Each structure stands twice: as structure tokens, then as C-alpha cells.
């Protein structure tokens, strides 16, 4: 969706720049979440490196949340198209809420298991 919007015609240069930055941030988010999922699959059973592994997972998911917030921040200001801002920020808020929930679950799991 974001890539498609970034290619839309009629966007101002500032809007195109914000979209490109956001697509880059979200790409990093996907990488960090994939890395986290891969690491979580290794947590099965008793693992001596649990604390190190869970710390890495928490760091990556937290970084993903920061990337999402950075994307959303790029759509602040009066110079941007109101509809574009509403659509993009609405989607980002949804993704950020899901990521935040995932981080809360991971933190709880670390507390229980650690």
C-alpha cells in the first residue's frame, strides 16, 4: 500500500519524500520483526542463552516500533495533503499498536520465563 501511494501522481515533492522515507522505515520494521520471529523460534525448550536472545528480540521489536513512529512523524505539518496524512497515519497507528502489543507480550514472556 505504501509503495503504491509513493508512486501516485500529483503528490508534492515533500509528500513524495515523506512517503519514500516511510517505505524505507517500514522495510526496516519488517526486517526487524522477521529477525525477532526467527529468534523466537529458537527459544523452545531450555536454552542457556535465553536472556541474551530475549534481549535481542526486545531490542528489535522496540526498534520496529521506533521506525513506525518515525514514519508517522514524517506526516506531521500543514504542508502535506490532509487525505494522504489521514490514510498513512491511520495505517501506521494500526501497525504500531500491533507492534506495541507484541512487545508487551514479549516483555511479559521474558518476565515469566526469565
N, C-alpha and C. Protein backbone atom coordinates (compact mmCIF):
# COMPACT_ATOMS: atom_id res chain seq x y z
N UNK A 1 0.83 -1.19 0.00
CA UNK A 1 0.00 0.00 0.00
C UNK A 1 0.87 1.25 0.00
N UNK A 2 1.87 1.29 0.87
CA UNK A 2 2.72 2.47 0.98
C UNK A 2 3.52 2.69 -0.31
N UNK A 3 4.05 1.62 -0.88
CA UNK A 3 4.82 1.76 -2.12
C UNK A 3 3.94 2.29 -3.23
N UNK A 4 2.71 1.79 -3.28
CA UNK A 4 1.77 2.23 -4.31
C UNK A 4 1.45 3.71 -4.14
N UNK A 5 1.20 4.13 -2.90
CA UNK A 5 0.92 5.55 -2.64
C UNK A 5 2.11 6.43 -2.99
N UNK A 6 3.33 5.93 -2.75
CA UNK A 6 4.51 6.75 -3.00
C UNK A 6 4.72 6.98 -4.49
N UNK A 7 4.12 6.15 -5.33
CA UNK A 7 4.24 6.31 -6.77
C UNK A 7 3.09 7.12 -7.37
N UNK A 8 2.14 7.51 -6.54
CA UNK A 8 0.97 8.26 -7.02
C UNK A 8 1.39 9.58 -7.64
N UNK A 9 0.72 9.90 -8.70
CA UNK A 9 0.98 11.18 -9.37
C UNK A 9 0.24 12.28 -8.64
N UNK A 10 0.73 13.48 -8.75
CA UNK A 10 0.06 14.62 -8.14
C UNK A 10 0.51 14.91 -6.73
N UNK A 11 1.44 14.15 -6.21
CA UNK A 11 1.96 14.43 -4.88
C UNK A 11 3.01 15.53 -4.95
N UNK A 12 3.04 16.34 -3.93
CA UNK A 12 4.06 17.39 -3.83
C UNK A 12 5.39 16.73 -3.50
N UNK A 13 6.50 17.40 -3.84
CA UNK A 13 7.82 16.82 -3.54
C UNK A 13 7.98 16.44 -2.07
N UNK A 14 7.46 17.26 -1.16
CA UNK A 14 7.54 16.98 0.28
C UNK A 14 6.77 15.70 0.62
N UNK A 15 5.63 15.48 -0.04
CA UNK A 15 4.82 14.29 0.20
C UNK A 15 5.53 13.04 -0.34
N UNK A 16 6.12 13.17 -1.52
CA UNK A 16 6.86 12.06 -2.11
C UNK A 16 8.03 11.68 -1.20
N UNK A 17 8.73 12.69 -0.70
CA UNK A 17 9.86 12.45 0.20
C UNK A 17 9.41 11.75 1.48
N UNK A 18 8.31 12.21 2.05
CA UNK A 18 7.78 11.58 3.27
C UNK A 18 7.39 10.13 3.01
N UNK A 19 6.78 9.89 1.85
CA UNK A 19 6.38 8.52 1.50
C UNK A 19 7.59 7.62 1.33
N UNK A 20 8.60 8.11 0.63
CA UNK A 20 9.81 7.30 0.42
C UNK A 20 10.49 6.98 1.75
N UNK A 21 10.58 7.99 2.60
CA UNK A 21 11.18 7.77 3.93
C UNK A 21 10.37 6.73 4.71
N UNK A 22 9.07 6.83 4.62
CA UNK A 22 8.19 5.92 5.35
C UNK A 22 8.34 4.49 4.82
N UNK A 23 8.40 4.33 3.52
CA UNK A 23 8.58 3.00 2.93
C UNK A 23 9.90 2.40 3.41
N UNK A 24 10.94 3.22 3.48
CA UNK A 24 12.24 2.74 3.96
C UNK A 24 12.16 2.33 5.44
N UNK A 25 11.51 3.15 6.25
CA UNK A 25 11.34 2.82 7.67
C UNK A 25 10.56 1.52 7.85
N UNK A 26 9.50 1.36 7.06
CA UNK A 26 8.67 0.16 7.19
C UNK A 26 9.41 -1.08 6.70
N UNK A 27 10.29 -0.90 5.73
CA UNK A 27 11.12 -2.02 5.27
C UNK A 27 12.04 -2.48 6.40
N UNK A 28 12.60 -1.52 7.13
CA UNK A 28 13.43 -1.86 8.29
C UNK A 28 12.59 -2.54 9.37
N UNK A 29 11.37 -2.06 9.54
CA UNK A 29 10.46 -2.66 10.52
C UNK A 29 10.23 -4.13 10.20
N UNK A 30 9.95 -4.42 8.94
CA UNK A 30 9.71 -5.80 8.52
C UNK A 30 10.94 -6.66 8.80
N UNK A 31 12.12 -6.14 8.47
CA UNK A 31 13.36 -6.89 8.72
C UNK A 31 13.54 -7.19 10.21
N UNK A 32 13.29 -6.19 11.04
CA UNK A 32 13.46 -6.36 12.49
C UNK A 32 12.45 -7.36 13.06
N UNK A 33 11.23 -7.31 12.57
CA UNK A 33 10.21 -8.24 13.05
C UNK A 33 10.49 -9.66 12.57
N UNK A 34 10.96 -9.80 11.34
CA UNK A 34 11.33 -11.13 10.84
C UNK A 34 12.48 -11.71 11.65
N UNK A 35 13.47 -10.88 11.94
CA UNK A 35 14.60 -11.32 12.75
C UNK A 35 14.10 -11.78 14.13
N UNK A 36 13.17 -11.04 14.69
CA UNK A 36 12.61 -11.38 16.00
C UNK A 36 11.88 -12.71 15.97
N UNK A 37 11.08 -12.91 14.95
CA UNK A 37 10.34 -14.16 14.81
C UNK A 37 11.30 -15.33 14.67
N UNK A 38 12.34 -15.15 13.87
CA UNK A 38 13.34 -16.21 13.70
C UNK A 38 14.01 -16.56 15.01
N UNK A 39 14.34 -15.54 15.78
CA UNK A 39 14.99 -15.77 17.08
C UNK A 39 14.03 -16.42 18.07
N UNK A 40 12.77 -16.04 18.01
CA UNK A 40 11.78 -16.62 18.93
C UNK A 40 11.61 -18.12 18.68
N UNK A 41 11.75 -18.53 17.44
CA UNK A 41 11.60 -19.96 17.14
C UNK A 41 12.72 -20.78 17.78
N UNK A 42 13.80 -20.13 18.16
CA UNK A 42 14.93 -20.82 18.81
C UNK A 42 14.78 -20.88 20.33
N UNK A 43 13.75 -20.26 20.87
CA UNK A 43 13.57 -20.20 22.32
C UNK A 43 12.90 -21.45 22.89
N UNK A 44 12.56 -22.40 22.07
CA UNK A 44 11.87 -23.61 22.53
C UNK A 44 12.76 -24.39 23.49
N UNK A 45 12.13 -24.99 24.48
CA UNK A 45 12.88 -25.79 25.44
C UNK A 45 13.70 -24.91 26.37
N UNK A 46 14.69 -25.51 26.96
CA UNK A 46 15.57 -24.77 27.87
C UNK A 46 16.80 -24.32 27.10
N UNK A 47 16.99 -23.04 26.99
CA UNK A 47 18.13 -22.51 26.25
C UNK A 47 18.98 -21.68 27.21
N UNK A 48 20.25 -22.01 27.29
CA UNK A 48 21.16 -21.30 28.20
C UNK A 48 21.30 -19.83 27.85
N UNK A 49 21.11 -19.50 26.60
CA UNK A 49 21.26 -18.11 26.15
C UNK A 49 19.94 -17.35 26.13
N UNK A 50 18.96 -17.80 26.91
CA UNK A 50 17.63 -17.20 26.88
C UNK A 50 17.67 -15.69 27.08
N UNK A 51 18.36 -15.23 28.10
CA UNK A 51 18.36 -13.80 28.41
C UNK A 51 18.95 -12.98 27.27
N UNK A 52 20.01 -13.44 26.68
CA UNK A 52 20.61 -12.74 25.55
C UNK A 52 19.66 -12.74 24.36
N UNK A 53 19.05 -13.88 24.09
CA UNK A 53 18.14 -13.99 22.95
C UNK A 53 16.90 -13.11 23.14
N UNK A 54 16.31 -13.15 24.32
CA UNK A 54 15.10 -12.36 24.56
C UNK A 54 15.43 -10.87 24.53
N UNK A 55 16.62 -10.51 24.99
CA UNK A 55 17.05 -9.11 24.93
C UNK A 55 17.17 -8.65 23.48
N UNK A 56 17.72 -9.50 22.62
CA UNK A 56 17.81 -9.17 21.19
C UNK A 56 16.41 -8.97 20.60
N UNK A 57 15.51 -9.89 20.93
CA UNK A 57 14.13 -9.81 20.42
C UNK A 57 13.47 -8.52 20.88
N UNK A 58 13.60 -8.20 22.16
CA UNK A 58 13.01 -6.96 22.69
C UNK A 58 13.60 -5.74 21.99
N UNK A 59 14.89 -5.75 21.75
CA UNK A 59 15.55 -4.64 21.08
C UNK A 59 15.03 -4.47 19.66
N UNK A 60 14.91 -5.57 18.92
CA UNK A 60 14.46 -5.50 17.53
C UNK A 60 13.00 -5.05 17.43
N UNK A 61 12.15 -5.56 18.31
CA UNK A 61 10.73 -5.16 18.26
C UNK A 61 10.59 -3.70 18.68
N UNK A 62 11.36 -3.28 19.65
CA UNK A 62 11.35 -1.88 20.07
C UNK A 62 11.84 -0.97 18.93
N UNK A 63 12.87 -1.41 18.22
CA UNK A 63 13.37 -0.64 17.07
C UNK A 63 12.31 -0.56 15.98
N UNK A 64 11.57 -1.65 15.78
CA UNK A 64 10.49 -1.64 14.79
C UNK A 64 9.44 -0.60 15.16
N UNK A 65 9.12 -0.52 16.43
CA UNK A 65 8.15 0.47 16.91
C UNK A 65 8.67 1.89 16.69
N UNK A 66 9.94 2.10 16.93
CA UNK A 66 10.55 3.40 16.69
C UNK A 66 10.49 3.76 15.20
N UNK A 67 10.76 2.79 14.33
CA UNK A 67 10.68 3.03 12.89
C UNK A 67 9.27 3.45 12.48
N UNK A 68 8.28 2.80 13.04
CA UNK A 68 6.89 3.14 12.73
C UNK A 68 6.56 4.55 13.19
N UNK A 69 7.03 4.90 14.37
CA UNK A 69 6.79 6.26 14.87
C UNK A 69 7.51 7.30 14.02
N UNK A 70 8.71 6.98 13.57
CA UNK A 70 9.45 7.88 12.70
C UNK A 70 8.70 8.10 11.39
N UNK A 71 8.13 7.04 10.85
CA UNK A 71 7.33 7.16 9.63
C UNK A 71 6.15 8.09 9.87
N UNK A 72 5.44 7.87 10.94
CA UNK A 72 4.27 8.70 11.27
C UNK A 72 4.66 10.16 11.47
N UNK A 73 5.79 10.39 12.12
CA UNK A 73 6.26 11.76 12.35
C UNK A 73 6.51 12.51 11.05
N UNK A 74 6.88 11.78 10.00
CA UNK A 74 7.14 12.40 8.71
C UNK A 74 5.90 12.99 8.07
N UNK A 75 4.73 12.68 8.61
CA UNK A 75 3.48 13.18 8.04
C UNK A 75 2.84 14.24 8.92
N UNK A 76 3.63 14.87 9.75
CA UNK A 76 3.14 16.00 10.53
C UNK A 76 3.39 17.27 9.74
N UNK A 77 2.63 18.27 10.02
CA UNK A 77 2.82 19.56 9.36
C UNK A 77 1.67 19.90 8.44
N UNK A 78 1.53 21.17 8.21
CA UNK A 78 0.40 21.67 7.42
C UNK A 78 0.65 21.62 5.93
N UNK A 79 1.89 21.38 5.50
CA UNK A 79 2.19 21.41 4.07
C UNK A 79 1.81 20.12 3.35
N UNK A 80 1.39 19.11 4.09
CA UNK A 80 1.05 17.83 3.48
C UNK A 80 -0.45 17.73 3.22
N UNK A 81 -0.78 16.98 2.20
CA UNK A 81 -2.17 16.70 1.83
C UNK A 81 -2.88 16.03 3.01
N UNK A 82 -4.01 16.61 3.40
CA UNK A 82 -4.76 16.09 4.55
C UNK A 82 -5.22 14.66 4.38
N UNK A 83 -5.71 14.30 3.18
CA UNK A 83 -6.17 12.93 2.95
C UNK A 83 -5.02 11.94 3.02
N UNK A 84 -3.90 12.31 2.43
CA UNK A 84 -2.73 11.44 2.45
C UNK A 84 -2.27 11.22 3.89
N UNK A 85 -2.21 12.31 4.64
CA UNK A 85 -1.82 12.23 6.05
C UNK A 85 -2.73 11.29 6.83
N UNK A 86 -4.02 11.45 6.62
CA UNK A 86 -5.01 10.65 7.35
C UNK A 86 -4.86 9.17 7.02
N UNK A 87 -4.74 8.85 5.75
CA UNK A 87 -4.63 7.45 5.33
C UNK A 87 -3.35 6.81 5.86
N UNK A 88 -2.23 7.48 5.64
CA UNK A 88 -0.94 6.91 6.04
C UNK A 88 -0.84 6.80 7.55
N UNK A 89 -1.14 7.87 8.25
CA UNK A 89 -1.01 7.84 9.70
C UNK A 89 -1.97 6.83 10.33
N UNK A 90 -3.17 6.68 9.73
CA UNK A 90 -4.11 5.68 10.23
C UNK A 90 -3.56 4.28 10.13
N UNK A 91 -2.94 3.98 9.00
CA UNK A 91 -2.35 2.65 8.81
C UNK A 91 -1.17 2.43 9.75
N UNK A 92 -0.34 3.46 9.87
CA UNK A 92 0.84 3.35 10.72
C UNK A 92 0.44 3.18 12.18
N UNK A 93 -0.57 3.91 12.62
CA UNK A 93 -1.03 3.78 14.00
C UNK A 93 -1.49 2.35 14.27
N UNK A 94 -2.19 1.76 13.33
CA UNK A 94 -2.65 0.38 13.48
C UNK A 94 -1.46 -0.58 13.60
N UNK A 95 -0.50 -0.44 12.72
CA UNK A 95 0.69 -1.30 12.76
C UNK A 95 1.46 -1.08 14.07
N UNK A 96 1.59 0.18 14.48
CA UNK A 96 2.31 0.49 15.72
C UNK A 96 1.61 -0.10 16.94
N UNK A 97 0.29 -0.09 16.94
CA UNK A 97 -0.44 -0.68 18.06
C UNK A 97 -0.21 -2.19 18.13
N UNK A 98 -0.21 -2.84 16.99
CA UNK A 98 0.05 -4.28 16.95
C UNK A 98 1.48 -4.58 17.40
N UNK A 99 2.42 -3.78 16.96
CA UNK A 99 3.81 -3.97 17.36
C UNK A 99 3.98 -3.73 18.85
N UNK A 100 3.32 -2.72 19.36
CA UNK A 100 3.37 -2.42 20.79
C UNK A 100 2.78 -3.58 21.61
N UNK A 101 1.69 -4.14 21.13
CA UNK A 101 1.09 -5.31 21.80
C UNK A 101 2.05 -6.49 21.79
N UNK A 102 2.71 -6.70 20.65
CA UNK A 102 3.68 -7.80 20.55
C UNK A 102 4.82 -7.59 21.54
N UNK A 103 5.30 -6.36 21.64
CA UNK A 103 6.39 -6.07 22.57
C UNK A 103 5.94 -6.31 24.02
N UNK A 104 4.72 -5.93 24.34
CA UNK A 104 4.20 -6.16 25.69
C UNK A 104 4.14 -7.66 26.00
N UNK A 105 3.71 -8.46 25.03
CA UNK A 105 3.65 -9.91 25.23
C UNK A 105 5.05 -10.50 25.39
N UNK A 106 5.98 -10.02 24.59
CA UNK A 106 7.36 -10.49 24.68
C UNK A 106 7.95 -10.13 26.04
N UNK A 107 7.70 -8.90 26.48
CA UNK A 107 8.20 -8.47 27.79
C UNK A 107 7.62 -9.33 28.92
N UNK A 108 6.35 -9.64 28.81
CA UNK A 108 5.69 -10.48 29.82
C UNK A 108 6.28 -11.89 29.81
N UNK A 109 6.47 -12.42 28.61
CA UNK A 109 7.08 -13.75 28.47
C UNK A 109 8.47 -13.77 29.09
N UNK A 110 9.25 -12.73 28.85
CA UNK A 110 10.60 -12.63 29.41
C UNK A 110 10.55 -12.61 30.93
N UNK A 111 9.58 -11.92 31.46
CA UNK A 111 9.43 -11.81 32.91
C UNK A 111 9.07 -13.17 33.54
N UNK A 112 8.15 -13.87 32.89
CA UNK A 112 7.69 -15.16 33.41
C UNK A 112 8.78 -16.22 33.27
N UNK A 113 9.40 -16.24 32.12
CA UNK A 113 10.38 -17.30 31.82
C UNK A 113 11.77 -17.00 32.38
N UNK A 114 12.09 -15.69 32.44
CA UNK A 114 13.44 -15.29 32.83
C UNK A 114 13.70 -15.49 34.26
